[in-house]
């Protein structure tokens, strides 16, 4: 397996693999890390088997976030109001005493550019498009075997599967991060979820990222007073901030793990990881 790209750069994955081979000379990385990844995923599968076997629990969560945002978007299309009235009347918790989300909308108005088309499209597209984009980007990244267990751990984390199951918009942020590892500008899409904005900064060194940021800024201008409603909703929320979204980072780190452990440091588009230039 090649350990260098066209520029002679040695990838992080290749260096880790070389180190492991020195410690265990007979290591077969594809077999070793492949089996380890399968073990991790299998243990996660046991968790989800228990989850699905709990009466009523699986049905409660399937598509719950998707329906929340589609209903809120449909309400905005008919009334011009995107955030619930109770989000503007005073402080409110994001999670109730039973640990369930209260249904607060915290996405900024520009997220409507994502939500509106899916009020017309079949639900399958809401899941299928971002997951297909993510799978395509991971395939193009060609992660080295050393990265496979790390990627498996990202999927093993229970909240990762839950975000996919509920149809949370985080799956679209995942697609933005994954494709952003190949072409820097899609990382601006992370900003539709401001609580995890640090991931968007991975593309800050690239001209295309700044162009995309400008476009996003201009796209937000037509919403006018809706920005004020969003600010009030966020400030009134109790239990928000970066810590509120920290549980989503394992899933979003999936393409990061694949990029760090690339088998080849190939130059693809304006890849913020390996290209090094805009």
C-alpha atoms as a PDB file:
ATOM      1  CA  UNK A   1       0.000   0.000   0.000  1.00  0.00           C
ATOM      2  CA  UNK A   2       1.286   3.411  -0.945  1.00  0.00           C
ATOM      3  CA  UNK A   3       2.073   5.698   1.951  1.00  0.00           C
ATOM      4  CA  UNK A   4       2.704   8.899   0.039  1.00  0.00           C
ATOM      5  CA  UNK A   5       0.695  11.126  -2.247  1.00  0.00           C
ATOM      6  CA  UNK A   6       1.746  12.863  -5.415  1.00  0.00           C
ATOM      7  CA  UNK A   7       3.609  15.487  -3.399  1.00  0.00           C
ATOM      8  CA  UNK A   8       5.502  12.889  -1.354  1.00  0.00           C
ATOM      9  CA  UNK A   9       3.517  13.730   1.781  1.00  0.00           C
ATOM     10  CA  UNK A  10       3.234  10.827   4.228  1.00  0.00           C
ATOM     11  CA  UNK A  11      -0.270  10.581   5.666  1.00  0.00           C
ATOM     12  CA  UNK A  12      -0.984  10.345   9.386  1.00  0.00           C
ATOM     13  CA  UNK A  13      -2.575   6.938   8.851  1.00  0.00           C
ATOM     14  CA  UNK A  14       0.542   5.636   7.118  1.00  0.00           C
ATOM     15  CA  UNK A  15       2.773   6.843   9.971  1.00  0.00           C
ATOM     16  CA  UNK A  16       0.551   5.177  12.570  1.00  0.00           C
ATOM     17  CA  UNK A  17       0.497   1.968  10.578  1.00  0.00           C
ATOM     18  CA  UNK A  18       4.286   1.986  10.267  1.00  0.00           C
ATOM     19  CA  UNK A  19       4.623   2.440  14.034  1.00  0.00           C
ATOM     20  CA  UNK A  20       2.289  -0.497  14.713  1.00  0.00           C
ATOM     21  CA  UNK A  21       4.222  -2.690  12.284  1.00  0.00           C
ATOM     22  CA  UNK A  22       7.414  -1.961  14.222  1.00  0.00           C
ATOM     23  CA  UNK A  23       5.755  -3.081  17.455  1.00  0.00           C
ATOM     24  CA  UNK A  24       3.978  -6.071  15.899  1.00  0.00           C
ATOM     25  CA  UNK A  25       5.935  -7.047  12.769  1.00  0.00           C
ATOM     26  CA  UNK A  26       3.379  -9.568  11.517  1.00  0.00           C
ATOM     27  CA  UNK A  27       0.422  -7.196  11.646  1.00  0.00           C
ATOM     28  CA  UNK A  28      -1.926  -7.413   8.658  1.00  0.00           C
ATOM     29  CA  UNK A  29      -3.650  -4.029   8.916  1.00  0.00           C
ATOM     30  CA  UNK A  30      -6.720  -4.791   6.820  1.00  0.00           C
ATOM     31  CA  UNK A  31      -7.441  -7.991   8.732  1.00  0.00           C
ATOM     32  CA  UNK A  32      -6.523  -6.665  12.175  1.00  0.00           C
ATOM     33  CA  UNK A  33      -8.310  -3.330  11.973  1.00  0.00           C
ATOM     34  CA  UNK A  34     -11.152  -4.787   9.955  1.00  0.00           C
ATOM     35  CA  UNK A  35     -11.919  -7.363  12.663  1.00  0.00           C
ATOM     36  CA  UNK A  36     -11.593  -4.749  15.395  1.00  0.00           C
ATOM     37  CA  UNK A  37     -14.028  -2.512  13.537  1.00  0.00           C
ATOM     38  CA  UNK A  38     -16.513  -5.353  13.159  1.00  0.00           C
ATOM     39  CA  UNK A  39     -16.317  -6.102  16.882  1.00  0.00           C
ATOM     40  CA  UNK A  40     -17.021  -2.450  17.711  1.00  0.00           C
ATOM     41  CA  UNK A  41     -19.948  -2.281  15.308  1.00  0.00           C
ATOM     42  CA  UNK A  42     -21.324  -5.603  16.541  1.00  0.00           C
ATOM     43  CA  UNK A  43     -21.365  -4.348  20.134  1.00  0.00           C
ATOM     44  CA  UNK A  44     -23.242  -1.300  18.919  1.00  0.00           C
ATOM     45  CA  UNK A  45     -25.652  -3.572  17.107  1.00  0.00           C
ATOM     46  CA  UNK A  46     -26.495  -5.303  20.389  1.00  0.00           C
ATOM     47  CA  UNK A  47     -27.439  -1.941  21.889  1.00  0.00           C
ATOM     48  CA  UNK A  48     -29.730  -1.133  18.992  1.00  0.00           C
ATOM     49  CA  UNK A  49     -31.273  -4.600  19.103  1.00  0.00           C
ATOM     50  CA  UNK A  50     -32.226  -3.920  22.730  1.00  0.00           C
ATOM     51  CA  UNK A  51     -33.465  -0.454  21.800  1.00  0.00           C
ATOM     52  CA  UNK A  52     -35.638  -1.768  18.977  1.00  0.00           C
ATOM     53  CA  UNK A  53     -36.964  -4.531  21.203  1.00  0.00           C
ATOM     54  CA  UNK A  54     -38.282  -2.128  23.836  1.00  0.00           C
ATOM     55  CA  UNK A  55     -42.038  -1.760  23.213  1.00  0.00           C
ATOM     56  CA  UNK A  56     -42.962   1.634  21.795  1.00  0.00           C
ATOM     57  CA  UNK A  57     -39.481   3.139  22.149  1.00  0.00           C
ATOM     58  CA  UNK A  58     -38.313   2.627  18.576  1.00  0.00           C
ATOM     59  CA  UNK A  59     -41.579   3.942  17.136  1.00  0.00           C
ATOM     60  CA  UNK A  60     -41.405   7.006  19.369  1.00  0.00           C
ATOM     61  CA  UNK A  61     -38.079   8.131  17.971  1.00  0.00           C
ATOM     62  CA  UNK A  62     -38.324   7.247  14.271  1.00  0.00           C
ATOM     63  CA  UNK A  63     -38.449  10.519  12.318  1.00  0.00           C
ATOM     64  CA  UNK A  64     -39.427  12.614  15.339  1.00  0.00           C
ATOM     65  CA  UNK A  65     -36.975  15.437  14.525  1.00  0.00           C
ATOM     66  CA  UNK A  66     -37.795  15.302  10.829  1.00  0.00           C
ATOM     67  CA  UNK A  67     -41.486  15.814  11.582  1.00  0.00           C
ATOM     68  CA  UNK A  68     -40.702  18.631  14.036  1.00  0.00           C
ATOM     69  CA  UNK A  69     -38.783  20.668  11.466  1.00  0.00           C
ATOM     70  CA  UNK A  70     -41.108  19.931   8.591  1.00  0.00           C
ATOM     71  CA  UNK A  71     -44.117  21.015  10.690  1.00  0.00           C
ATOM     72  CA  UNK A  72     -42.309  24.196  11.788  1.00  0.00           C
ATOM     73  CA  UNK A  73     -41.351  24.963   8.185  1.00  0.00           C
ATOM     74  CA  UNK A  74     -44.884  24.396   6.918  1.00  0.00           C
ATOM     75  CA  UNK A  75     -46.119  26.721   9.668  1.00  0.00           C
ATOM     76  CA  UNK A  76     -43.619  29.371   8.552  1.00  0.00           C
ATOM     77  CA  UNK A  77     -44.731  29.075   4.938  1.00  0.00           C
ATOM     78  CA  UNK A  78     -48.324  29.728   5.942  1.00  0.00           C
ATOM     79  CA  UNK A  79     -47.885  32.259   8.764  1.00  0.00           C
ATOM     80  CA  UNK A  80     -44.344  33.676   8.601  1.00  0.00           C
ATOM     81  CA  UNK A  81     -43.600  32.407  12.135  1.00  0.00           C
ATOM     82  CA  UNK A  82     -40.873  29.789  12.433  1.00  0.00           C
ATOM     83  CA  UNK A  83     -40.208  29.707  16.184  1.00  0.00           C
ATOM     84  CA  UNK A  84     -42.836  28.666  18.719  1.00  0.00           C
ATOM     85  CA  UNK A  85     -44.499  31.554  20.600  1.00  0.00           C
ATOM     86  CA  UNK A  86     -43.430  30.136  23.965  1.00  0.00           C
ATOM     87  CA  UNK A  87     -39.789  30.473  22.911  1.00  0.00           C
ATOM     88  CA  UNK A  88     -40.197  34.266  23.002  1.00  0.00           C
ATOM     89  CA  UNK A  89     -42.156  34.638  26.254  1.00  0.00           C
ATOM     90  CA  UNK A  90     -39.386  33.721  28.691  1.00  0.00           C
ATOM     91  CA  UNK A  91     -36.840  31.085  29.634  1.00  0.00           C
ATOM     92  CA  UNK A  92     -37.622  27.479  28.796  1.00  0.00           C
ATOM     93  CA  UNK A  93     -35.777  24.141  29.076  1.00  0.00           C
ATOM     94  CA  UNK A  94     -34.517  22.289  26.035  1.00  0.00           C
ATOM     95  CA  UNK A  95     -35.088  18.965  27.787  1.00  0.00           C
ATOM     96  CA  UNK A  96     -38.002  18.117  30.095  1.00  0.00           C
ATOM     97  CA  UNK A  97     -37.825  16.257  33.400  1.00  0.00           C
ATOM     98  CA  UNK A  98     -38.173  12.900  31.639  1.00  0.00           C
ATOM     99  CA  UNK A  99     -35.141  13.687  29.478  1.00  0.00           C
ATOM    100  CA  UNK A 100     -37.089  14.289  26.263  1.00  0.00           C
ATOM    101  CA  UNK A 101     -36.580  17.305  24.010  1.00  0.00           C
ATOM    102  CA  UNK A 102     -39.215  19.998  24.374  1.00  0.00           C
ATOM    103  CA  UNK A 103     -39.426  20.637  20.636  1.00  0.00           C
ATOM    104  CA  UNK A 104     -37.650  23.986  20.627  1.00  0.00           C
ATOM    105  CA  UNK A 105     -36.420  25.279  17.255  1.00  0.00           C
ATOM    106  CA  UNK A 106     -32.886  26.663  17.540  1.00  0.00           C
ATOM    107  CA  UNK A 107     -31.716  26.601  13.942  1.00  0.00           C
ATOM    108  CA  UNK A 108     -31.100  30.044  12.389  1.00  0.00           C
ATOM    109  CA  UNK A 109     -33.403  31.309   9.628  1.00  0.00           C
ATOM    110  CA  UNK A 110     -30.982  30.342   6.816  1.00  0.00           C
ATOM    111  CA  UNK A 111     -31.729  26.706   7.645  1.00  0.00           C
ATOM    112  CA  UNK A 112     -35.069  27.258   5.913  1.00  0.00           C
ATOM    113  CA  UNK A 113     -33.227  27.002   2.591  1.00  0.00           C
ATOM    114  CA  UNK A 114     -32.598  23.391   3.561  1.00  0.00           C
ATOM    115  CA  UNK A 115     -35.971  22.673   5.163  1.00  0.00           C
ATOM    116  CA  UNK A 116     -38.381  24.181   2.621  1.00  0.00           C
ATOM    117  CA  UNK A 117     -37.667  21.814  -0.330  1.00  0.00           C
ATOM    118  CA  UNK A 118     -38.278  18.795   1.887  1.00  0.00           C
ATOM    119  CA  UNK A 119     -41.823  19.876   2.672  1.00  0.00           C
ATOM    120  CA  UNK A 120     -42.489  18.802  -0.936  1.00  0.00           C
ATOM    121  CA  UNK A 121     -40.083  15.887  -1.350  1.00  0.00           C
ATOM    122  CA  UNK A 122     -40.703  12.364  -0.014  1.00  0.00           C
ATOM    123  CA  UNK A 123     -39.239  11.739   3.487  1.00  0.00           C
ATOM    124  CA  UNK A 124     -36.819   9.172   2.062  1.00  0.00           C
ATOM    125  CA  UNK A 125     -34.845  11.993   0.445  1.00  0.00           C
ATOM    126  CA  UNK A 126     -34.266  13.658   3.825  1.00  0.00           C
ATOM    127  CA  UNK A 127     -32.236  10.655   4.952  1.00  0.00           C
ATOM    128  CA  UNK A 128     -31.043   9.299   1.622  1.00  0.00           C
ATOM    129  CA  UNK A 129     -29.320  12.380   0.203  1.00  0.00           C
ATOM    130  CA  UNK A 130     -27.065  13.303   3.169  1.00  0.00           C
ATOM    131  CA  UNK A 131     -26.165   9.690   3.924  1.00  0.00           C
ATOM    132  CA  UNK A 132     -25.345   9.058   0.252  1.00  0.00           C
ATOM    133  CA  UNK A 133     -23.179  12.190   0.130  1.00  0.00           C
ATOM    134  CA  UNK A 134     -21.398  11.113   3.295  1.00  0.00           C
ATOM    135  CA  UNK A 135     -20.792   7.595   1.969  1.00  0.00           C
ATOM    136  CA  UNK A 136     -19.455   9.001  -1.325  1.00  0.00           C
ATOM    137  CA  UNK A 137     -17.082  11.383   0.486  1.00  0.00           C
ATOM    138  CA  UNK A 138     -15.806   8.605   2.760  1.00  0.00           C
ATOM    139  CA  UNK A 139     -15.163   6.448  -0.287  1.00  0.00           C
ATOM    140  CA  UNK A 140     -13.231   9.272  -1.953  1.00  0.00           C
ATOM    141  CA  UNK A 141     -11.192   9.846   1.207  1.00  0.00           C
ATOM    142  CA  UNK A 142     -10.029   6.212   1.112  1.00  0.00           C
ATOM    143  CA  UNK A 143      -9.246   5.947   4.842  1.00  0.00           C
ATOM    144  CA  UNK A 144      -6.349   3.727   5.825  1.00  0.00           C
ATOM    145  CA  UNK A 145      -7.082   0.582   7.899  1.00  0.00           C
ATOM    146  CA  UNK A 146      -5.843   2.349  11.042  1.00  0.00           C
ATOM    147  CA  UNK A 147      -8.814   4.711  10.684  1.00  0.00           C
ATOM    148  CA  UNK A 148     -11.451   1.997  10.462  1.00  0.00           C
ATOM    149  CA  UNK A 149     -11.786   1.344  14.230  1.00  0.00           C
ATOM    150  CA  UNK A 150     -11.953   5.090  14.859  1.00  0.00           C
ATOM    151  CA  UNK A 151     -14.734   5.400  12.323  1.00  0.00           C
ATOM    152  CA  UNK A 152     -16.490   2.413  13.884  1.00  0.00           C
ATOM    153  CA  UNK A 153     -16.325   4.107  17.286  1.00  0.00           C
ATOM    154  CA  UNK A 154     -17.937   7.214  15.816  1.00  0.00           C
ATOM    155  CA  UNK A 155     -20.843   5.081  14.621  1.00  0.00           C
ATOM    156  CA  UNK A 156     -20.882   2.962  17.793  1.00  0.00           C
ATOM    157  CA  UNK A 157     -21.629   5.962  20.005  1.00  0.00           C
ATOM    158  CA  UNK A 158     -25.377   5.620  20.772  1.00  0.00           C
ATOM    159  CA  UNK A 159     -26.268   9.235  19.977  1.00  0.00           C
ATOM    160  CA  UNK A 160     -24.862   8.832  16.464  1.00  0.00           C
ATOM    161  CA  UNK A 161     -27.464   6.261  15.507  1.00  0.00           C
ATOM    162  CA  UNK A 162     -30.159   8.192  17.341  1.00  0.00           C
ATOM    163  CA  UNK A 163     -29.543  11.329  15.263  1.00  0.00           C
ATOM    164  CA  UNK A 164     -29.934   9.274  12.114  1.00  0.00           C
ATOM    165  CA  UNK A 165     -33.029   7.488  13.419  1.00  0.00           C
ATOM    166  CA  UNK A 166     -34.811  10.700  14.398  1.00  0.00           C
ATOM    167  CA  UNK A 167     -33.900  12.471  11.171  1.00  0.00           C
ATOM    168  CA  UNK A 168     -32.124  15.253  13.012  1.00  0.00           C
ATOM    169  CA  UNK A 169     -30.652  17.944  10.697  1.00  0.00           C
ATOM    170  CA  UNK A 170     -27.267  16.910  12.087  1.00  0.00           C
ATOM    171  CA  UNK A 171     -27.177  14.300   9.315  1.00  0.00           C
ATOM    172  CA  UNK A 172     -26.960  17.198   6.842  1.00  0.00           C
ATOM    173  CA  UNK A 173     -24.174  18.779   8.859  1.00  0.00           C
ATOM    174  CA  UNK A 174     -22.410  15.405   8.700  1.00  0.00           C
ATOM    175  CA  UNK A 175     -22.658  15.494   4.909  1.00  0.00           C
ATOM    176  CA  UNK A 176     -21.271  19.060   4.888  1.00  0.00           C
ATOM    177  CA  UNK A 177     -18.281  17.993   6.978  1.00  0.00           C
ATOM    178  CA  UNK A 178     -17.678  14.858   4.898  1.00  0.00           C
ATOM    179  CA  UNK A 179     -17.750  16.628   1.535  1.00  0.00           C
ATOM    180  CA  UNK A 180     -15.866  19.522   3.144  1.00  0.00           C
ATOM    181  CA  UNK A 181     -12.947  17.183   3.723  1.00  0.00           C
ATOM    182  CA  UNK A 182     -12.677  17.031  -0.075  1.00  0.00           C
ATOM    183  CA  UNK A 183     -13.741  20.541  -1.050  1.00  0.00           C
ATOM    184  CA  UNK A 184     -13.405  23.174   1.648  1.00  0.00           C
ATOM    185  CA  UNK A 185     -16.444  25.321   0.841  1.00  0.00           C
ATOM    186  CA  UNK A 186     -19.175  22.850   1.968  1.00  0.00           C
ATOM    187  CA  UNK A 187     -17.859  23.251   5.532  1.00  0.00           C
ATOM    188  CA  UNK A 188     -19.716  26.571   5.624  1.00  0.00           C
ATOM    189  CA  UNK A 189     -22.869  24.443   5.793  1.00  0.00           C
ATOM    190  CA  UNK A 190     -21.924  23.558   9.361  1.00  0.00           C
ATOM    191  CA  UNK A 191     -22.974  27.100  10.313  1.00  0.00           C
ATOM    192  CA  UNK A 192     -26.647  26.182  10.006  1.00  0.00           C
ATOM    193  CA  UNK A 193     -25.985  24.682  13.430  1.00  0.00           C
ATOM    194  CA  UNK A 194     -24.011  27.464  15.190  1.00  0.00           C
ATOM    195  CA  UNK A 195     -23.429  25.451  18.372  1.00  0.00           C
ATOM    196  CA  UNK A 196     -20.846  23.347  16.496  1.00  0.00           C
ATOM    197  CA  UNK A 197     -19.301  26.192  14.480  1.00  0.00           C
ATOM    198  CA  UNK A 198     -15.644  25.168  15.218  1.00  0.00           C
ATOM    199  CA  UNK A 199     -15.956  22.401  12.619  1.00  0.00           C
ATOM    200  CA  UNK A 200     -16.744  24.990   9.957  1.00  0.00           C
ATOM    201  CA  UNK A 201     -13.378  26.654  10.586  1.00  0.00           C
ATOM    202  CA  UNK A 202     -11.538  23.652   9.124  1.00  0.00           C
ATOM    203  CA  UNK A 203     -11.898  25.305   5.732  1.00  0.00           C
ATOM    204  CA  UNK A 204     -11.037  28.846   6.753  1.00  0.00           C
ATOM    205  CA  UNK A 205      -7.711  28.869   4.863  1.00  0.00           C
ATOM    206  CA  UNK A 206      -9.382  28.382   1.510  1.00  0.00           C
ATOM    207  CA  UNK A 207     -10.756  31.037  -0.795  1.00  0.00           C
ATOM    208  CA  UNK A 208     -13.758  28.933  -1.757  1.00  0.00           C
ATOM    209  CA  UNK A 209     -14.760  28.782   1.916  1.00  0.00           C
ATOM    210  CA  UNK A 210     -14.872  32.570   2.160  1.00  0.00           C
ATOM    211  CA  UNK A 211     -16.893  32.817  -1.036  1.00  0.00           C
ATOM    212  CA  UNK A 212     -19.391  30.299   0.355  1.00  0.00           C
ATOM    213  CA  UNK A 213     -19.528  32.245   3.632  1.00  0.00           C
ATOM    214  CA  UNK A 214     -20.331  35.436   1.717  1.00  0.00           C
ATOM    215  CA  UNK A 215     -23.091  33.657  -0.204  1.00  0.00           C
ATOM    216  CA  UNK A 216     -24.538  32.304   3.053  1.00  0.00           C
ATOM    217  CA  UNK A 217     -24.464  35.787   4.563  1.00  0.00           C
ATOM    218  CA  UNK A 218     -26.272  37.300   1.596  1.00  0.00           C
ATOM    219  CA  UNK A 219     -28.802  34.460   1.661  1.00  0.00           C
ATOM    220  CA  UNK A 220     -29.691  35.389   5.235  1.00  0.00           C
ATOM    221  CA  UNK A 221     -30.575  39.008   4.454  1.00  0.00           C
ATOM    222  CA  UNK A 222     -34.172  38.412   3.276  1.00  0.00           C
ATOM    223  CA  UNK A 223     -35.214  36.988   6.642  1.00  0.00           C
ATOM    224  CA  UNK A 224     -34.971  40.379   8.384  1.00  0.00           C
ATOM    225  CA  UNK A 225     -36.896  40.238  11.694  1.00  0.00           C
ATOM    226  CA  UNK A 226     -36.766  36.450  11.801  1.00  0.00           C
ATOM    227  CA  UNK A 227     -33.152  36.817  12.961  1.00  0.00           C
ATOM    228  CA  UNK A 228     -34.385  38.734  15.998  1.00  0.00           C
ATOM    229  CA  UNK A 229     -36.857  35.937  16.778  1.00  0.00           C
ATOM    230  CA  UNK A 230     -34.043  33.413  16.526  1.00  0.00           C
ATOM    231  CA  UNK A 231     -31.782  35.399  18.862  1.00  0.00           C
ATOM    232  CA  UNK A 232     -34.568  35.651  21.456  1.00  0.00           C
ATOM    233  CA  UNK A 233     -35.309  31.914  21.175  1.00  0.00           C
ATOM    234  CA  UNK A 234     -31.633  31.044  21.685  1.00  0.00           C
ATOM    235  CA  UNK A 235     -31.145  33.447  24.614  1.00  0.00           C
ATOM    236  CA  UNK A 236     -34.273  32.151  26.354  1.00  0.00           C
ATOM    237  CA  UNK A 237     -33.198  28.514  26.025  1.00  0.00           C
ATOM    238  CA  UNK A 238     -31.923  26.864  29.187  1.00  0.00           C
ATOM    239  CA  UNK A 239     -29.263  24.187  28.766  1.00  0.00           C
ATOM    240  CA  UNK A 240     -28.072  25.253  25.314  1.00  0.00           C
ATOM    241  CA  UNK A 241     -24.669  26.359  24.069  1.00  0.00           C
ATOM    242  CA  UNK A 242     -21.781  24.216  22.885  1.00  0.00           C
ATOM    243  CA  UNK A 243     -22.369  21.579  25.547  1.00  0.00           C
ATOM    244  CA  UNK A 244     -25.869  20.976  24.210  1.00  0.00           C
ATOM    245  CA  UNK A 245     -24.408  19.697  20.936  1.00  0.00           C
ATOM    246  CA  UNK A 246     -21.342  17.933  22.326  1.00  0.00           C
ATOM    247  CA  UNK A 247     -23.147  14.595  22.035  1.00  0.00           C
ATOM    248  CA  UNK A 248     -23.251  15.060  18.271  1.00  0.00           C
ATOM    249  CA  UNK A 249     -19.499  15.385  17.837  1.00  0.00           C
ATOM    250  CA  UNK A 250     -18.782  11.618  17.674  1.00  0.00           C
ATOM    251  CA  UNK A 251     -20.963  11.297  14.563  1.00  0.00           C
ATOM    252  CA  UNK A 252     -19.515  14.458  13.021  1.00  0.00           C
ATOM    253  CA  UNK A 253     -15.997  13.175  13.681  1.00  0.00           C
ATOM    254  CA  UNK A 254     -16.622  10.244  11.321  1.00  0.00           C
ATOM    255  CA  UNK A 255     -15.257  12.062   8.233  1.00  0.00           C
ATOM    256  CA  UNK A 256     -12.516  13.645  10.334  1.00  0.00           C
ATOM    257  CA  UNK A 257     -11.311  10.184  11.337  1.00  0.00           C
ATOM    258  CA  UNK A 258     -11.424   9.069   7.718  1.00  0.00           C
ATOM    259  CA  UNK A 259      -9.479  12.123   6.593  1.00  0.00           C
ATOM    260  CA  UNK A 260      -6.786  11.849   9.264  1.00  0.00           C
ATOM    261  CA  UNK A 261      -6.189   8.208   8.455  1.00  0.00           C
ATOM    262  CA  UNK A 262      -6.116   8.504   4.698  1.00  0.00           C
ATOM    263  CA  UNK A 263      -4.336   5.773   2.800  1.00  0.00           C
ATOM    264  CA  UNK A 264      -3.097   8.373   0.308  1.00  0.00           C
ATOM    265  CA  UNK A 265      -2.695  12.092   0.677  1.00  0.00           C
ATOM    266  CA  UNK A 266      -4.177  12.620  -2.772  1.00  0.00           C
ATOM    267  CA  UNK A 267      -5.045  16.098  -3.840  1.00  0.00           C
ATOM    268  CA  UNK A 268      -8.790  16.269  -4.456  1.00  0.00           C
ATOM    269  CA  UNK A 269     -10.265  19.654  -5.303  1.00  0.00           C
ATOM    270  CA  UNK A 270      -9.416  22.032  -2.469  1.00  0.00           C
ATOM    271  CA  UNK A 271      -9.097  19.408   0.217  1.00  0.00           C
ATOM    272  CA  UNK A 272      -8.420  21.298   3.508  1.00  0.00           C
ATOM    273  CA  UNK A 273      -6.619  18.298   4.941  1.00  0.00           C
ATOM    274  CA  UNK A 274      -4.148  17.349   2.243  1.00  0.00           C
ATOM    275  CA  UNK A 275      -4.092  20.046  -0.424  1.00  0.00           C
ATOM    276  CA  UNK A 276      -2.703  22.787   1.732  1.00  0.00           C
ATOM    277  CA  UNK A 277      -3.629  25.479  -0.775  1.00  0.00           C
ATOM    278  CA  UNK A 278      -6.767  27.186  -1.945  1.00  0.00           C
END
